[in-house]
Amino acid sequence: MRPEPWIEGPAAPDELAETFAFLEEFLRKGEPVSSSFAGLLARSVERGDMEVLVARSEGRAVGVAVLAFRINVSASGLFASIEDLYVGPEARRQGVGRALIEAAEERCRARGVSYVEVQTDNEAAAFYEAAGFEPEEVVRVLSRSYEL
């Protein structure tokens, strides 16, 4: 018998539908991503540019982590970012988030990645700090949106 929760992944491109549904329910208020965006994500997973890890309890998804891998010229190597990490409300404070972070660390080590970053809000910052992430005091994130 597997301990609860257990982590599956990385998910294959044809296994992403349940993961999308889980993230859409909680992060997009049930609004599905477009089929073209779902295809883009599937191709990114297929190429190995992204990995999706799924936490399960009693056979159903209770948490998801989405990792993106890319090269970094200044570091002269690969780095990863946690693009999304979400745990359903009923599974919080039960070790699911920590299990996803540990699984992400294992995947990064397996790929030779020694640096992982996450952009988060103030509410989730304490979770990441408790997991060993540190604020980047000299880096500021700036963004700009373009009309399409």
N, C-alpha and C. Protein backbone atom coordinates (compact mmCIF):
# COMPACT_ATOMS: atom_id res chain seq x y z
N MET A 1 0.84 -1.19 0.00
CA MET A 1 0.00 0.00 0.00
C MET A 1 0.88 1.25 0.00
N ARG A 2 0.52 2.23 -0.81
CA ARG A 2 1.29 3.47 -0.90
C ARG A 2 0.95 4.38 0.27
N PRO A 3 1.97 5.13 0.74
CA PRO A 3 1.67 6.13 1.77
C PRO A 3 0.84 7.25 1.15
N GLU A 4 0.05 7.89 1.94
CA GLU A 4 -0.78 8.99 1.44
C GLU A 4 -0.12 10.30 1.82
N PRO A 5 -0.06 11.29 0.99
CA PRO A 5 -0.32 11.22 -0.44
C PRO A 5 0.89 10.65 -1.17
N TRP A 6 0.69 10.19 -2.38
CA TRP A 6 1.83 9.77 -3.18
C TRP A 6 1.90 10.69 -4.40
N ILE A 7 3.11 10.78 -4.95
CA ILE A 7 3.35 11.69 -6.07
C ILE A 7 3.59 10.87 -7.32
N GLU A 8 2.92 11.25 -8.39
CA GLU A 8 3.11 10.65 -9.69
C GLU A 8 3.74 11.68 -10.61
N GLY A 9 4.57 11.20 -11.49
CA GLY A 9 5.11 12.11 -12.49
C GLY A 9 6.54 11.81 -12.77
N PRO A 10 7.06 12.41 -13.77
CA PRO A 10 6.36 13.41 -14.56
C PRO A 10 5.27 12.79 -15.43
N ALA A 11 4.19 13.54 -15.57
CA ALA A 11 3.05 13.07 -16.36
C ALA A 11 3.40 13.10 -17.84
N ALA A 12 2.89 12.12 -18.58
CA ALA A 12 3.03 12.09 -20.03
C ALA A 12 2.03 13.07 -20.64
N PRO A 13 2.29 13.54 -21.87
CA PRO A 13 1.36 14.49 -22.49
C PRO A 13 -0.09 13.99 -22.53
N ASP A 14 -0.29 12.69 -22.72
CA ASP A 14 -1.67 12.18 -22.79
C ASP A 14 -2.31 12.00 -21.41
N GLU A 15 -1.59 12.33 -20.36
CA GLU A 15 -2.13 12.24 -18.99
C GLU A 15 -2.45 13.60 -18.40
N LEU A 16 -2.42 14.64 -19.21
CA LEU A 16 -2.56 16.01 -18.69
C LEU A 16 -3.99 16.47 -18.49
N ALA A 17 -4.97 15.82 -19.09
CA ALA A 17 -6.35 16.31 -19.02
C ALA A 17 -6.84 16.43 -17.58
N GLU A 18 -6.60 15.41 -16.75
CA GLU A 18 -7.05 15.47 -15.35
C GLU A 18 -6.33 16.60 -14.61
N THR A 19 -5.05 16.76 -14.89
CA THR A 19 -4.27 17.81 -14.24
C THR A 19 -4.81 19.19 -14.62
N PHE A 20 -5.09 19.39 -15.92
CA PHE A 20 -5.67 20.66 -16.35
C PHE A 20 -6.99 20.90 -15.65
N ALA A 21 -7.83 19.89 -15.59
CA ALA A 21 -9.14 20.04 -14.95
C ALA A 21 -8.98 20.45 -13.49
N PHE A 22 -8.02 19.85 -12.79
CA PHE A 22 -7.78 20.18 -11.39
C PHE A 22 -7.34 21.63 -11.26
N LEU A 23 -6.37 22.04 -12.06
CA LEU A 23 -5.89 23.43 -11.99
C LEU A 23 -6.96 24.41 -12.43
N GLU A 24 -7.71 24.06 -13.47
CA GLU A 24 -8.77 24.95 -13.94
C GLU A 24 -9.83 25.16 -12.87
N GLU A 25 -10.17 24.11 -12.16
CA GLU A 25 -11.21 24.21 -11.13
C GLU A 25 -10.82 25.23 -10.07
N PHE A 26 -9.57 25.17 -9.63
CA PHE A 26 -9.16 26.01 -8.51
C PHE A 26 -8.51 27.33 -8.93
N LEU A 27 -7.71 27.33 -9.98
CA LEU A 27 -6.96 28.53 -10.33
C LEU A 27 -7.66 29.39 -11.38
N ARG A 28 -8.59 28.78 -12.11
CA ARG A 28 -9.26 29.51 -13.19
C ARG A 28 -10.77 29.54 -13.00
N LYS A 29 -11.22 29.23 -11.79
CA LYS A 29 -12.65 29.23 -11.46
C LYS A 29 -13.46 28.38 -12.44
N GLY A 30 -12.88 27.24 -12.84
CA GLY A 30 -13.57 26.31 -13.71
C GLY A 30 -13.45 26.60 -15.19
N GLU A 31 -12.86 27.73 -15.55
CA GLU A 31 -12.73 28.09 -16.96
C GLU A 31 -11.59 27.28 -17.59
N PRO A 32 -11.89 26.50 -18.63
CA PRO A 32 -10.85 25.68 -19.24
C PRO A 32 -9.85 26.52 -20.02
N VAL A 33 -8.62 26.02 -20.10
CA VAL A 33 -7.64 26.65 -20.98
C VAL A 33 -8.05 26.34 -22.41
N SER A 34 -7.64 27.17 -23.34
CA SER A 34 -7.99 26.93 -24.73
C SER A 34 -7.31 25.67 -25.23
N SER A 35 -7.88 25.06 -26.25
CA SER A 35 -7.29 23.84 -26.80
C SER A 35 -5.91 24.12 -27.38
N SER A 36 -5.70 25.32 -27.94
CA SER A 36 -4.38 25.64 -28.48
C SER A 36 -3.36 25.75 -27.35
N PHE A 37 -3.75 26.32 -26.22
CA PHE A 37 -2.83 26.41 -25.08
C PHE A 37 -2.58 25.03 -24.48
N ALA A 38 -3.61 24.20 -24.39
CA ALA A 38 -3.43 22.83 -23.89
C ALA A 38 -2.45 22.08 -24.79
N GLY A 39 -2.55 22.28 -26.10
CA GLY A 39 -1.63 21.65 -27.03
C GLY A 39 -0.21 22.15 -26.84
N LEU A 40 -0.06 23.44 -26.60
CA LEU A 40 1.27 24.02 -26.35
C LEU A 40 1.88 23.41 -25.09
N LEU A 41 1.08 23.27 -24.03
CA LEU A 41 1.58 22.66 -22.80
C LEU A 41 1.97 21.20 -23.03
N ALA A 42 1.13 20.47 -23.76
CA ALA A 42 1.43 19.06 -24.04
C ALA A 42 2.73 18.93 -24.82
N ARG A 43 2.95 19.80 -25.80
CA ARG A 43 4.20 19.76 -26.57
C ARG A 43 5.40 20.12 -25.70
N SER A 44 5.22 21.05 -24.77
CA SER A 44 6.31 21.42 -23.85
C SER A 44 6.67 20.25 -22.95
N VAL A 45 5.66 19.51 -22.49
CA VAL A 45 5.90 18.32 -21.68
C VAL A 45 6.60 17.26 -22.52
N GLU A 46 6.12 17.08 -23.74
CA GLU A 46 6.71 16.08 -24.64
C GLU A 46 8.18 16.36 -24.91
N ARG A 47 8.54 17.63 -25.09
CA ARG A 47 9.94 18.03 -25.34
C ARG A 47 10.80 17.96 -24.09
N GLY A 48 10.16 17.91 -22.92
CA GLY A 48 10.91 17.92 -21.66
C GLY A 48 11.18 19.31 -21.12
N ASP A 49 10.55 20.32 -21.72
CA ASP A 49 10.72 21.69 -21.23
C ASP A 49 9.91 21.92 -19.96
N MET A 50 8.88 21.10 -19.76
CA MET A 50 8.05 21.20 -18.56
C MET A 50 7.78 19.80 -18.05
N GLU A 51 7.54 19.71 -16.74
CA GLU A 51 7.12 18.47 -16.11
C GLU A 51 5.96 18.77 -15.18
N VAL A 52 5.03 17.84 -15.12
CA VAL A 52 3.87 17.98 -14.25
C VAL A 52 3.89 16.83 -13.25
N LEU A 53 3.86 17.17 -11.98
CA LEU A 53 3.83 16.20 -10.89
C LEU A 53 2.45 16.27 -10.24
N VAL A 54 1.88 15.12 -9.95
CA VAL A 54 0.53 15.07 -9.39
C VAL A 54 0.56 14.35 -8.05
N ALA A 55 0.02 15.00 -7.02
CA ALA A 55 -0.15 14.36 -5.71
C ALA A 55 -1.52 13.72 -5.68
N ARG A 56 -1.56 12.47 -5.24
CA ARG A 56 -2.82 11.73 -5.19
C ARG A 56 -3.08 11.23 -3.79
N SER A 57 -4.34 11.21 -3.44
CA SER A 57 -4.80 10.61 -2.20
C SER A 57 -6.09 9.88 -2.54
N GLU A 58 -6.17 8.63 -2.12
CA GLU A 58 -7.34 7.80 -2.44
C GLU A 58 -7.63 7.80 -3.94
N GLY A 59 -6.56 7.83 -4.74
CA GLY A 59 -6.69 7.71 -6.18
C GLY A 59 -7.04 8.97 -6.94
N ARG A 60 -7.26 10.07 -6.25
CA ARG A 60 -7.62 11.29 -6.98
C ARG A 60 -6.59 12.39 -6.75
N ALA A 61 -6.50 13.29 -7.71
CA ALA A 61 -5.55 14.40 -7.62
C ALA A 61 -5.94 15.33 -6.48
N VAL A 62 -4.98 15.64 -5.62
CA VAL A 62 -5.20 16.59 -4.54
C VAL A 62 -4.20 17.74 -4.59
N GLY A 63 -3.21 17.63 -5.50
CA GLY A 63 -2.21 18.67 -5.64
C GLY A 63 -1.44 18.49 -6.94
N VAL A 64 -0.93 19.59 -7.46
CA VAL A 64 -0.19 19.57 -8.71
C VAL A 64 0.97 20.55 -8.62
N ALA A 65 2.11 20.15 -9.19
CA ALA A 65 3.24 21.07 -9.36
C ALA A 65 3.63 21.04 -10.83
N VAL A 66 3.83 22.21 -11.40
CA VAL A 66 4.26 22.34 -12.79
C VAL A 66 5.64 22.97 -12.78
N LEU A 67 6.63 22.25 -13.32
CA LEU A 67 8.01 22.72 -13.39
C LEU A 67 8.36 23.10 -14.81
N ALA A 68 9.09 24.18 -14.99
CA ALA A 68 9.61 24.57 -16.29
C ALA A 68 11.12 24.56 -16.21
N PHE A 69 11.76 24.01 -17.22
CA PHE A 69 13.21 23.91 -17.28
C PHE A 69 13.72 24.74 -18.45
N ARG A 70 14.78 25.49 -18.21
CA ARG A 70 15.39 26.27 -19.29
C ARG A 70 16.85 26.55 -18.98
N ILE A 71 17.56 26.98 -20.00
CA ILE A 71 18.97 27.29 -19.79
C ILE A 71 19.11 28.71 -19.29
N ASN A 72 20.20 28.95 -18.58
CA ASN A 72 20.49 30.27 -18.06
C ASN A 72 21.93 30.58 -18.43
N VAL A 73 22.12 31.58 -19.26
CA VAL A 73 23.45 31.91 -19.74
C VAL A 73 24.35 32.38 -18.61
N SER A 74 23.86 33.25 -17.73
CA SER A 74 24.72 33.77 -16.66
C SER A 74 25.16 32.67 -15.70
N ALA A 75 24.32 31.67 -15.48
CA ALA A 75 24.69 30.55 -14.61
C ALA A 75 25.39 29.44 -15.38
N SER A 76 25.36 29.54 -16.70
CA SER A 76 25.97 28.54 -17.57
C SER A 76 25.44 27.13 -17.27
N GLY A 77 24.13 27.04 -17.17
CA GLY A 77 23.53 25.74 -16.91
C GLY A 77 22.02 25.81 -16.93
N LEU A 78 21.42 24.69 -16.59
CA LEU A 78 19.96 24.61 -16.52
C LEU A 78 19.45 25.18 -15.20
N PHE A 79 18.27 25.75 -15.24
CA PHE A 79 17.58 26.09 -14.01
C PHE A 79 16.11 25.77 -14.19
N ALA A 80 15.41 25.71 -13.09
CA ALA A 80 13.99 25.38 -13.13
C ALA A 80 13.19 26.42 -12.38
N SER A 81 11.95 26.53 -12.77
CA SER A 81 11.03 27.38 -12.01
C SER A 81 9.77 26.56 -11.74
N ILE A 82 9.22 26.80 -10.58
CA ILE A 82 7.93 26.21 -10.24
C ILE A 82 6.89 27.18 -10.79
N GLU A 83 6.26 26.78 -11.88
CA GLU A 83 5.29 27.65 -12.54
C GLU A 83 3.97 27.67 -11.80
N ASP A 84 3.56 26.51 -11.33
CA ASP A 84 2.33 26.39 -10.54
C ASP A 84 2.55 25.31 -9.51
N LEU A 85 2.08 25.54 -8.32
CA LEU A 85 2.01 24.51 -7.29
C LEU A 85 0.73 24.81 -6.54
N TYR A 86 -0.19 23.86 -6.61
CA TYR A 86 -1.48 24.08 -5.96
C TYR A 86 -1.91 22.81 -5.26
N VAL A 87 -2.41 22.99 -4.06
CA VAL A 87 -2.96 21.89 -3.26
C VAL A 87 -4.42 22.25 -2.98
N GLY A 88 -5.32 21.31 -3.26
CA GLY A 88 -6.73 21.53 -3.00
C GLY A 88 -7.00 21.84 -1.54
N PRO A 89 -8.00 22.64 -1.26
CA PRO A 89 -8.28 23.07 0.12
C PRO A 89 -8.43 21.91 1.11
N GLU A 90 -9.03 20.79 0.70
CA GLU A 90 -9.25 19.67 1.61
C GLU A 90 -7.97 18.92 1.94
N ALA A 91 -6.90 19.15 1.18
CA ALA A 91 -5.65 18.42 1.38
C ALA A 91 -4.54 19.29 1.98
N ARG A 92 -4.84 20.52 2.30
CA ARG A 92 -3.82 21.41 2.85
C ARG A 92 -3.45 21.02 4.27
N ARG A 93 -2.22 21.35 4.64
CA ARG A 93 -1.66 21.08 5.98
C ARG A 93 -1.60 19.59 6.29
N GLN A 94 -1.42 18.79 5.22
CA GLN A 94 -1.31 17.35 5.39
C GLN A 94 -0.03 16.81 4.74
N GLY A 95 0.89 17.71 4.38
CA GLY A 95 2.15 17.29 3.80
C GLY A 95 2.16 17.18 2.29
N VAL A 96 1.05 17.53 1.64
CA VAL A 96 0.96 17.40 0.18
C VAL A 96 1.90 18.39 -0.50
N GLY A 97 1.87 19.64 -0.09
CA GLY A 97 2.74 20.65 -0.69
C GLY A 97 4.20 20.30 -0.49
N ARG A 98 4.56 19.88 0.70
CA ARG A 98 5.95 19.49 0.98
C ARG A 98 6.34 18.29 0.11
N ALA A 99 5.44 17.32 -0.05
CA ALA A 99 5.73 16.16 -0.90
C ALA A 99 5.95 16.59 -2.35
N LEU A 100 5.18 17.55 -2.83
CA LEU A 100 5.37 18.05 -4.19
C LEU A 100 6.71 18.77 -4.33
N ILE A 101 7.08 19.56 -3.33
CA ILE A 101 8.38 20.25 -3.35
C ILE A 101 9.51 19.22 -3.36
N GLU A 102 9.41 18.18 -2.54
CA GLU A 102 10.44 17.14 -2.49
C GLU A 102 10.53 16.40 -3.82
N ALA A 103 9.39 16.11 -4.44
CA ALA A 103 9.40 15.44 -5.74
C ALA A 103 10.01 16.36 -6.81
N ALA A 104 9.71 17.65 -6.73
CA ALA A 104 10.31 18.60 -7.67
C ALA A 104 11.83 18.63 -7.49
N GLU A 105 12.28 18.61 -6.25
CA GLU A 105 13.72 18.59 -5.98
C GLU A 105 14.37 17.35 -6.58
N GLU A 106 13.73 16.20 -6.42
CA GLU A 106 14.25 14.95 -7.00
C GLU A 106 14.34 15.05 -8.52
N ARG A 107 13.30 15.60 -9.15
CA ARG A 107 13.32 15.74 -10.61
C ARG A 107 14.42 16.69 -11.05
N CYS A 108 14.62 17.78 -10.31
CA CYS A 108 15.67 18.73 -10.66
C CYS A 108 17.05 18.09 -10.53
N ARG A 109 17.28 17.38 -9.44
CA ARG A 109 18.56 16.70 -9.27
C ARG A 109 18.80 15.70 -10.40
N ALA A 110 17.78 14.96 -10.77
CA ALA A 110 17.90 13.97 -11.84
C ALA A 110 18.27 14.62 -13.18
N ARG A 111 17.88 15.87 -13.35
CA ARG A 111 18.16 16.59 -14.60
C ARG A 111 19.38 17.49 -14.49
N GLY A 112 20.07 17.46 -13.35
CA GLY A 112 21.27 18.28 -13.20
C GLY A 112 20.99 19.75 -12.93
N VAL A 113 19.84 20.03 -12.35
CA VAL A 113 19.45 21.40 -12.04
C VAL A 113 19.71 21.65 -10.56
N SER A 114 20.48 22.69 -10.28
CA SER A 114 20.81 22.99 -8.88
C SER A 114 20.14 24.28 -8.39
N TYR A 115 19.42 24.99 -9.26
CA TYR A 115 18.78 26.25 -8.88
C TYR A 115 17.32 26.20 -9.30
N VAL A 116 16.44 26.44 -8.35
CA VAL A 116 15.00 26.46 -8.61
C VAL A 116 14.44 27.76 -8.05
N GLU A 117 13.61 28.41 -8.83
CA GLU A 117 12.99 29.64 -8.36
C GLU A 117 11.48 29.51 -8.43
N VAL A 118 10.82 30.35 -7.65
CA VAL A 118 9.37 30.42 -7.67
C VAL A 118 8.97 31.87 -7.47
N GLN A 119 7.99 32.31 -8.23
CA GLN A 119 7.39 33.61 -8.01
C GLN A 119 6.08 33.35 -7.30
N THR A 120 5.88 34.00 -6.18
CA THR A 120 4.70 33.71 -5.38
C THR A 120 4.14 34.98 -4.76
N ASP A 121 2.98 34.83 -4.19
CA ASP A 121 2.39 35.96 -3.48
C ASP A 121 2.81 35.89 -2.01
N ASN A 122 2.48 36.92 -1.28
CA ASN A 122 2.87 36.98 0.13
C ASN A 122 2.25 35.85 0.96
N GLU A 123 1.04 35.44 0.60
CA GLU A 123 0.35 34.39 1.35
C GLU A 123 1.11 33.06 1.31
N ALA A 124 1.66 32.70 0.15
CA ALA A 124 2.36 31.42 -0.01
C ALA A 124 3.85 31.51 0.29
N ALA A 125 4.38 32.71 0.45
CA ALA A 125 5.83 32.87 0.66
C ALA A 125 6.31 32.09 1.88
N ALA A 126 5.56 32.09 2.96
CA ALA A 126 5.98 31.38 4.18
C ALA A 126 6.12 29.88 3.93
N PHE A 127 5.22 29.31 3.10
CA PHE A 127 5.31 27.90 2.76
C PHE A 127 6.64 27.61 2.07
N TYR A 128 6.98 28.42 1.07
CA TYR A 128 8.23 28.19 0.33
C TYR A 128 9.45 28.43 1.22
N GLU A 129 9.40 29.43 2.05
CA GLU A 129 10.52 29.69 2.96
C GLU A 129 10.70 28.52 3.93
N ALA A 130 9.61 27.95 4.42
CA ALA A 130 9.71 26.78 5.31
C ALA A 130 10.29 25.58 4.57
N ALA A 131 10.15 25.54 3.25
CA ALA A 131 10.69 24.45 2.44
C ALA A 131 12.13 24.72 2.00
N GLY A 132 12.72 25.84 2.48
CA GLY A 132 14.12 26.12 2.19
C GLY A 132 14.38 27.16 1.12
N PHE A 133 13.33 27.72 0.52
CA PHE A 133 13.52 28.78 -0.46
C PHE A 133 13.84 30.08 0.26
N GLU A 134 14.67 30.91 -0.36
CA GLU A 134 15.07 32.18 0.25
C GLU A 134 14.70 33.33 -0.67
N PRO A 135 14.32 34.45 -0.09
CA PRO A 135 14.02 35.62 -0.92
C PRO A 135 15.28 36.07 -1.67
N GLU A 136 15.09 36.48 -2.91
CA GLU A 136 16.18 37.04 -3.70
C GLU A 136 16.14 38.55 -3.50
N GLU A 137 16.99 39.02 -2.64
CA GLU A 137 16.95 40.44 -2.27
C GLU A 137 17.39 41.37 -3.40
N VAL A 138 18.24 40.88 -4.30
CA VAL A 138 18.77 41.76 -5.34
C VAL A 138 18.03 41.63 -6.67
N VAL A 139 17.02 40.78 -6.72
CA VAL A 139 16.28 40.58 -7.96
C VAL A 139 14.87 41.12 -7.79
N ARG A 140 14.45 41.88 -8.77
CA ARG A 140 13.08 42.37 -8.79
C ARG A 140 12.40 41.80 -10.02
N VAL A 141 11.18 41.40 -9.87
CA VAL A 141 10.41 40.89 -11.00
C VAL A 141 9.57 42.04 -11.53
N LEU A 142 9.76 42.34 -12.79
CA LEU A 142 8.97 43.35 -13.48
C LEU A 142 8.19 42.63 -14.57
N SER A 143 7.04 43.14 -14.89
CA SER A 143 6.25 42.50 -15.95
C SER A 143 5.60 43.56 -16.82
N ARG A 144 5.22 43.11 -17.98
CA ARG A 144 4.51 44.00 -18.92
C ARG A 144 3.59 43.13 -19.75
N SER A 145 2.38 43.57 -19.96
CA SER A 145 1.43 42.85 -20.79
C SER A 145 1.34 43.52 -22.15
N TYR A 146 1.14 42.69 -23.17
CA TYR A 146 0.98 43.19 -24.53
C TYR A 146 -0.42 42.82 -25.03
N GLU A 147 -1.01 43.71 -25.77
CA GLU A 147 -2.29 43.40 -26.41
C GLU A 147 -2.04 42.47 -27.55
N LEU A 148 -2.84 41.43 -27.64
CA LEU A 148 -2.72 40.48 -28.75
C LEU A 148 -3.86 40.63 -29.72
